[in-house]
Amino acid sequence: MFVVTDPRQYQIRLTKACWYNHILIEHPEMKGRLDDVKRAIKIPDYIYQSKYKPSSHLYYYKIGRGLSKKEYVLVVITIRHRTSKGYVQTAFLVDSLSKGGNLIWKKR
């Protein structure tokens, strides 16, 4: 689908298989939100490291409250530090920031 650079200079990939076979099936609220996923990666408000899997980073992008009552797009990305690359695992809407994990990046 795309490859974009995050604020830490990681090259992040979203595959068609992930978008069509996982995200849109498991999280139908993401239909029409591909640009929000890109923005969440390119200009996130926050990036957390998962407390369960250190190679998973949680990218939050504030969209505000709408009909869905959700406030953020959350994109979960597996990061490969050795290659400075990553790939999207999933994306969905949430109403708050992570309740765990370490904050590793914040928009200034």
Protein backbone atom coordinates (compact mmCIF):
# COMPACT_ATOMS: atom_id res chain seq x y z
CA MET A 1 0.00 0.00 0.00
CA PHE A 2 2.72 2.45 1.03
CA VAL A 3 6.08 3.06 2.67
CA VAL A 4 6.48 6.24 4.75
CA THR A 5 9.11 7.65 7.09
CA ASP A 6 8.27 8.21 10.73
CA PRO A 7 9.71 11.10 12.81
CA ARG A 8 12.56 8.87 13.99
CA GLN A 9 13.55 8.11 10.38
CA TYR A 10 12.27 4.54 10.32
CA GLN A 11 10.86 3.37 6.98
CA ILE A 12 7.41 1.91 7.78
CA ARG A 13 5.52 -0.35 5.36
CA LEU A 14 1.83 -1.19 5.16
CA THR A 15 1.11 -4.14 2.87
CA LYS A 16 -2.09 -4.68 0.91
CA ALA A 17 -2.52 -8.02 2.67
CA CYS A 18 -2.43 -6.38 6.10
CA TRP A 19 -4.84 -3.61 5.07
CA TYR A 20 -7.41 -5.74 3.22
CA ASN A 21 -7.08 -9.11 4.96
CA HIS A 22 -6.64 -7.95 8.53
CA ILE A 23 -7.34 -4.29 9.31
CA LEU A 24 -10.50 -3.80 7.25
CA ILE A 25 -11.89 -7.20 8.32
CA GLU A 26 -11.07 -7.02 12.04
CA HIS A 27 -11.53 -3.25 12.38
CA PRO A 28 -14.18 -2.12 9.86
CA GLU A 29 -14.25 1.33 11.45
CA MET A 30 -10.95 1.92 9.61
CA LYS A 31 -12.66 1.98 6.19
CA GLY A 32 -11.81 5.31 4.58
CA ARG A 33 -9.03 6.01 7.12
CA LEU A 34 -5.95 5.01 5.12
CA ASP A 35 -4.76 8.65 5.14
CA ASP A 36 -5.18 8.73 8.94
CA VAL A 37 -2.96 5.65 9.17
CA LYS A 38 -0.30 7.41 7.08
CA ARG A 39 -0.55 10.53 9.25
CA ALA A 40 -0.30 8.41 12.41
CA ILE A 41 3.03 7.11 11.15
CA LYS A 42 4.41 10.32 9.61
CA ILE A 43 3.22 12.82 12.24
CA PRO A 44 2.09 10.90 15.33
CA ASP A 45 1.18 12.68 18.53
CA TYR A 46 2.77 9.94 20.64
CA ILE A 47 4.78 6.75 20.19
CA TYR A 48 4.82 4.18 22.99
CA GLN A 49 6.80 0.97 23.27
CA SER A 50 4.53 -1.96 24.08
CA LYS A 51 4.96 -3.35 27.56
CA TYR A 52 4.17 -6.81 26.21
CA LYS A 53 6.41 -6.90 23.13
CA PRO A 54 9.34 -4.43 23.06
CA SER A 55 9.63 -4.55 19.25
CA SER A 56 6.01 -3.33 18.93
CA HIS A 57 5.59 0.42 18.93
CA LEU A 58 2.19 2.09 19.33
CA TYR A 59 1.68 5.19 17.19
CA TYR A 60 -1.18 7.48 18.27
CA TYR A 61 -2.66 10.17 16.06
CA LYS A 62 -5.36 12.44 17.48
CA ILE A 63 -8.46 12.68 15.30
CA GLY A 64 -10.84 14.17 17.89
CA ARG A 65 -14.19 12.79 18.91
CA GLY A 66 -16.63 12.12 16.12
CA LEU A 67 -19.59 9.84 15.57
CA SER A 68 -17.52 6.87 16.71
CA LYS A 69 -16.66 8.60 20.03
CA LYS A 70 -13.05 7.56 19.45
CA GLU A 71 -10.28 10.09 19.76
CA TYR A 72 -7.13 8.46 18.34
CA VAL A 73 -6.01 6.28 15.46
CA LEU A 74 -3.66 3.69 16.93
CA VAL A 75 -1.22 1.99 14.55
CA VAL A 76 0.79 -0.92 15.94
CA ILE A 77 4.14 -1.29 14.20
CA THR A 78 6.87 -3.89 14.54
CA ILE A 79 10.23 -2.09 14.48
CA ARG A 80 13.47 -3.68 13.30
CA HIS A 81 16.18 -1.48 14.80
CA ARG A 82 19.04 -3.13 12.88
CA THR A 83 17.55 -2.12 9.52
CA SER A 84 15.68 1.07 10.60
CA LYS A 85 12.53 -0.42 9.09
CA GLY A 86 9.16 -1.47 10.38
CA TYR A 87 5.83 -2.84 9.26
CA VAL A 88 2.25 -2.23 10.30
CA GLN A 89 0.70 -5.06 12.32
CA THR A 90 -2.72 -3.49 12.80
CA ALA A 91 -4.61 -0.20 13.13
CA PHE A 92 -7.82 0.74 14.90
CA LEU A 93 -9.57 3.56 16.75
CA VAL A 94 -9.21 4.05 20.51
CA ASP A 95 -10.58 6.55 22.98
CA SER A 96 -7.45 7.07 25.09
CA LEU A 97 -3.68 6.67 25.17
CA SER A 98 -1.87 3.52 26.27
CA LYS A 99 -2.31 2.51 29.90
CA GLY A 100 1.08 0.86 29.88
CA GLY A 101 4.38 0.78 28.10
CA ASN A 102 7.00 3.50 27.82
CA LEU A 103 6.51 6.80 26.05
CA ILE A 104 9.40 6.93 23.57
CA TRP A 105 8.44 9.90 21.38
CA LYS A 106 6.10 12.89 21.68
CA LYS A 107 5.21 15.62 19.19
CA ARG A 108 6.63 18.97 20.24
